[in-house]
Protein backbone atom coordinates (compact mmCIF):
# COMPACT_ATOMS: atom_id res chain seq x y z
CA ALA A 1 97.10 64.52 169.51
CA TYR A 2 99.41 61.61 170.30
CA LEU A 3 99.84 62.73 173.99
CA ASN A 4 96.10 63.11 174.32
CA ILE A 5 95.53 59.64 173.16
CA LYS A 6 98.07 58.15 175.52
CA LEU A 7 96.55 60.13 178.33
CA ALA A 8 93.07 58.75 177.32
CA ASP A 9 94.53 55.34 177.39
CA LEU A 10 96.07 55.81 180.76
CA LYS A 11 92.85 57.13 182.26
CA GLN A 12 90.97 54.17 180.85
CA SER A 13 93.57 51.76 182.12
CA ASN A 14 93.21 53.25 185.72
CA GLN A 15 89.40 53.12 185.49
CA ASP A 16 89.68 49.48 184.40
CA LEU A 17 92.07 48.75 187.26
CA GLU A 18 89.75 50.30 189.87
CA SER A 19 86.75 48.45 188.35
CA PHE A 20 88.64 45.08 188.56
CA ALA A 21 89.76 45.85 192.21
CA THR A 22 86.24 46.74 193.19
CA ILE A 23 84.77 43.55 191.71
CA ALA A 24 87.43 41.31 192.90
CA SER A 25 87.25 42.81 196.45
CA HIS A 26 83.41 42.38 196.43
CA ASP A 27 83.62 38.75 195.40
CA LEU A 28 86.48 38.06 197.85
CA MET A 29 84.82 39.89 200.70
CA ALA A 30 81.59 37.73 200.63
CA PRO A 31 83.20 34.49 201.70
CA VAL A 32 85.56 36.18 204.15
CA ARG A 33 82.58 37.68 205.94
CA LYS A 34 80.97 34.14 206.12
CA ILE A 35 84.18 32.74 207.57
CA ILE A 36 84.13 35.50 210.20
CA ASN A 37 80.54 35.16 210.98
CA PHE A 38 80.40 31.45 211.16
CA THR A 39 83.59 31.32 213.35
CA GLU A 40 82.19 33.85 215.81
CA THR A 41 78.93 31.85 215.94
CA LEU A 42 80.77 28.63 216.84
CA LEU A 43 82.87 30.41 219.55
CA GLU A 44 79.77 31.82 221.07
CA GLY A 45 78.54 28.36 221.44
CA GLY A 46 80.74 27.92 224.35
CA THR A 47 81.18 24.53 226.15
CA ARG A 48 80.85 22.30 223.05
CA PHE A 49 84.60 22.85 222.30
CA THR A 50 87.87 21.89 224.03
CA LYS A 51 90.41 24.62 224.74
CA ASP A 52 92.41 23.41 221.68
CA ASP A 53 89.31 23.62 219.61
CA GLU A 54 88.69 27.16 220.70
CA LEU A 55 92.37 28.06 220.03
CA ILE A 56 92.12 26.85 216.48
CA LEU A 57 88.77 28.70 215.93
CA ASP A 58 90.37 31.95 217.31
CA LYS A 59 93.20 31.64 214.85
CA VAL A 60 90.73 31.15 211.98
CA LEU A 61 88.77 34.26 213.20
CA ARG A 62 91.95 36.25 213.44
CA ALA A 63 93.06 35.17 209.95
CA GLY A 64 89.68 36.06 208.57
CA LYS A 65 89.71 39.54 210.00
CA THR A 66 93.21 40.16 208.71
CA MET A 67 92.09 39.04 205.25
CA HIS A 68 88.99 41.39 205.47
CA LEU A 69 91.32 44.34 206.34
CA LEU A 70 93.79 43.47 203.57
CA ILE A 71 91.04 43.54 200.98
CA ASP A 72 89.86 46.89 202.23
CA ASN A 73 93.40 48.23 201.96
CA ILE A 74 93.86 46.82 198.46
CA LEU A 75 90.62 48.52 197.38
CA GLU A 76 91.61 51.86 199.05
CA TYR A 77 95.00 51.64 197.30
CA SER A 78 93.55 51.03 193.91
CA ARG A 79 91.04 53.90 194.26
CA LEU A 80 93.94 56.22 194.92
CA ALA A 81 95.43 55.07 191.71
CA GLY A 82 92.34 55.51 189.64
CA HIS A 83 90.79 58.75 190.85
CA SER A 84 91.80 62.20 189.78
CA VAL A 85 92.25 64.26 192.95
CA THR A 86 90.11 67.37 193.72
CA PHE A 87 91.92 70.06 195.74
CA ASP A 88 90.34 72.52 198.15
CA ARG A 89 91.63 74.78 200.94
CA VAL A 90 92.22 72.37 203.75
CA ASN A 91 93.11 73.38 207.35
CA LEU A 92 95.47 70.68 208.51
CA ASN A 93 94.55 71.47 212.22
CA GLU A 94 90.99 70.35 211.46
CA VAL A 95 92.34 67.20 209.82
CA MET A 96 94.33 66.46 212.96
CA SER A 97 91.23 66.99 215.07
CA GLU A 98 89.42 64.29 212.95
CA VAL A 99 92.39 62.00 213.13
CA MET A 100 92.61 62.20 216.86
CA THR A 101 88.98 61.46 217.24
CA VAL A 102 89.33 58.27 215.08
CA LEU A 103 92.44 57.05 216.82
CA SER A 104 91.39 58.08 220.46
CA ASP A 105 90.78 54.43 221.46
CA GLN A 106 94.06 53.25 220.13
CA ILE A 107 95.99 56.06 221.75
CA VAL A 108 94.39 55.26 225.14
CA ALA A 109 94.98 51.49 224.76
CA VAL A 110 98.75 51.93 224.41
CA ASN A 111 98.97 54.79 226.93
CA GLY A 112 100.26 56.96 224.01
CA GLU A 113 100.74 60.66 223.48
CA VAL A 114 100.32 62.62 220.36
CA GLU A 115 101.26 66.31 220.17
CA SER A 116 100.95 68.62 217.20
CA GLU A 117 102.06 72.11 216.68
CA PRO A 118 99.90 74.51 214.75
CA LEU A 119 99.67 73.35 211.07
CA PRO A 120 99.09 75.42 207.98
CA ILE A 121 96.26 75.63 205.49
CA ILE A 122 97.14 74.17 202.11
CA GLU A 123 95.40 73.16 198.89
CA ALA A 124 94.80 69.42 199.24
CA ASN A 125 92.21 66.68 199.23
CA LYS A 126 90.83 66.57 202.86
CA THR A 127 89.84 62.98 202.79
CA GLN A 128 93.26 61.91 201.62
CA MET A 129 94.90 64.16 204.23
CA VAL A 130 92.99 62.34 206.85
CA GLN A 131 94.20 59.02 205.44
CA LEU A 132 97.76 60.28 205.46
CA LEU A 133 98.11 61.47 209.05
CA GLN A 134 95.91 58.70 210.44
CA ASN A 135 98.10 55.97 208.81
CA LEU A 136 101.32 57.62 209.87
CA ILE A 137 100.21 58.13 213.49
CA SER A 138 98.69 54.73 213.81
CA ASN A 139 101.90 53.23 212.32
CA SER A 140 103.92 54.94 215.00
CA LEU A 141 101.67 53.72 217.81
CA LYS A 142 101.90 50.13 216.60
CA HIS A 143 105.64 50.14 216.09
CA ARG A 144 106.36 51.25 219.66
CA LYS A 145 109.14 49.90 221.94
CA GLU A 146 108.26 47.39 224.59
CA ASN A 147 107.33 48.99 227.93
CA ILE A 148 107.80 52.47 226.70
CA PRO A 149 104.66 54.63 226.08
CA PRO A 150 104.71 55.81 222.45
CA ALA A 151 104.98 59.57 221.83
CA VAL A 152 104.39 61.18 218.47
CA LYS A 153 105.18 64.93 217.72
CA ILE A 154 104.06 66.65 214.65
CA SER A 155 105.26 69.98 213.42
CA SER A 156 105.66 71.75 210.02
CA TYR A 157 107.89 74.25 208.36
CA VAL A 158 108.52 75.97 204.98
CA GLU A 159 111.35 74.30 203.26
CA ASP A 160 111.21 75.47 199.72
CA GLU A 161 109.11 78.33 198.13
CA GLY A 162 105.66 77.02 197.46
CA PHE A 163 106.16 73.87 199.67
CA ILE A 164 105.53 72.98 203.26
CA THR A 165 107.01 70.02 205.12
CA ILE A 166 105.20 68.12 207.83
CA CYS A 167 107.50 66.40 210.19
CA LEU A 168 106.35 63.49 212.35
CA LYS A 169 108.73 62.14 215.00
CA ASP A 170 108.17 59.09 217.16
CA ASN A 171 110.06 57.28 219.94
CA GLY A 172 109.35 53.82 218.56
CA MET A 173 111.37 50.96 217.12
CA GLY A 174 112.89 53.06 214.35
CA ILE A 175 113.36 52.05 210.65
CA LYS A 176 116.87 51.25 209.53
CA ASP A 177 118.03 53.43 206.79
CA GLU A 178 118.49 50.54 204.37
CA TYR A 179 114.67 49.98 204.53
CA ALA A 180 113.80 53.62 204.17
CA ASP A 181 112.44 53.06 200.59
CA LEU A 182 111.19 49.47 201.04
CA VAL A 183 108.64 50.48 203.75
CA PHE A 184 106.54 52.41 201.29
CA GLN A 185 106.15 49.40 199.07
CA PRO A 186 102.81 47.59 199.18
CA PHE A 187 102.63 44.59 201.42
CA GLU A 188 106.03 45.22 202.98
CA ARG A 189 106.11 44.30 206.66
CA LEU A 190 109.50 44.57 208.40
CA ASN A 191 108.17 43.06 211.59
CA SER A 192 105.75 40.14 211.07
CA GLN A 193 105.00 40.13 214.84
CA ILE A 194 103.18 43.44 214.57
CA GLU A 195 99.60 43.39 213.39
CA GLY A 196 99.00 44.86 209.95
CA THR A 197 98.72 44.35 206.23
CA GLY A 198 101.82 46.26 205.05
CA MET A 199 99.55 48.70 203.04
CA GLY A 200 99.55 51.63 205.48
CA LEU A 201 102.68 53.42 204.47
CA ALA A 202 102.14 52.46 200.78
CA ILE A 203 98.75 54.33 200.90
CA CYS A 204 100.63 57.33 202.53
CA LYS A 205 103.05 57.22 199.62
CA LYS A 206 100.27 57.16 197.04
CA VAL A 207 98.49 60.10 198.65
CA VAL A 208 101.58 62.24 198.86
CA VAL A 209 102.57 61.60 195.24
CA SER A 210 99.05 62.30 194.05
CA HIS A 211 99.40 65.70 195.61
CA GLY A 212 102.78 66.37 193.80
CA GLY A 213 104.86 65.90 197.02
CA ASP A 214 107.29 63.46 198.50
CA ILE A 215 107.65 61.43 201.67
CA ALA A 216 110.78 60.04 203.33
CA VAL A 217 111.70 58.43 206.58
CA LYS A 218 114.97 58.21 208.53
CA SER A 219 116.09 56.86 211.90
CA LEU A 220 116.66 59.35 214.70
CA PRO A 221 120.07 59.19 216.36
CA GLY A 222 120.65 57.30 219.57
CA ASP A 223 117.92 54.70 218.98
CA GLY A 224 115.41 57.46 219.24
CA GLY A 225 112.75 56.25 216.85
CA SER A 226 111.79 57.47 213.32
CA MET A 227 111.18 60.74 211.61
CA PHE A 228 108.89 61.02 208.60
CA ASN A 229 109.12 64.15 206.44
CA ILE A 230 106.19 64.93 204.05
CA LYS A 231 106.72 67.51 201.50
CA LEU A 232 103.57 68.95 200.00
CA PRO A 233 102.82 71.92 197.69
CA GLU A 234 100.88 74.79 199.28
CA ARG A 235 98.88 75.35 196.11
CA HIS A 236 98.07 73.57 192.88
CA GLY A 237 97.81 75.07 189.41
CA LYS A 238 94.43 75.27 187.90
């Protein structure tokens, strides 16, 4: 009975957290949208501004769009914390197809290459699997080496009974081993020069943990990029 009370309290706390994040995000989003819209309107005015004026307005616009993205990421993260996960049979090859469609423009823009070996069917939440692979691949494309086209390779294997491991390797900038845990913390950005909010890998961690799995990253030898290992159960108890 005590355990049931505590579980009910935890569930209510998660629901309260999600409600707060939703309300706060809505209230924050309205002025941010106005900042973006008003700045774009001013820039479209053209010749009324000097080059310095346009530079300042462009910085305001970029800051507004970054804030917009950050609020979206915070809301997404809070939803992962508050919702119970529904599992179905999910073909990870179909998930990869959806992710490639979403990221096609980004891949072309950086002259990137994403290869995937055949992936298994597991019990999972499909929407969250799309979030997971999309964030991981996008992260690799953004953290690429200068003047070297990014390449991402995805494979999978059975490591322990009842579990599969998805392995994502890239040829990017790499992540030093001392930062291997830090990169999965919310708002952590190891390179401030690269666009982002520091929430992508935190969302990946939240997704994997909600599935009863684990995620880790390590540097590849010889300055060869990074390797993410995502361990997920093949099935979930009813």
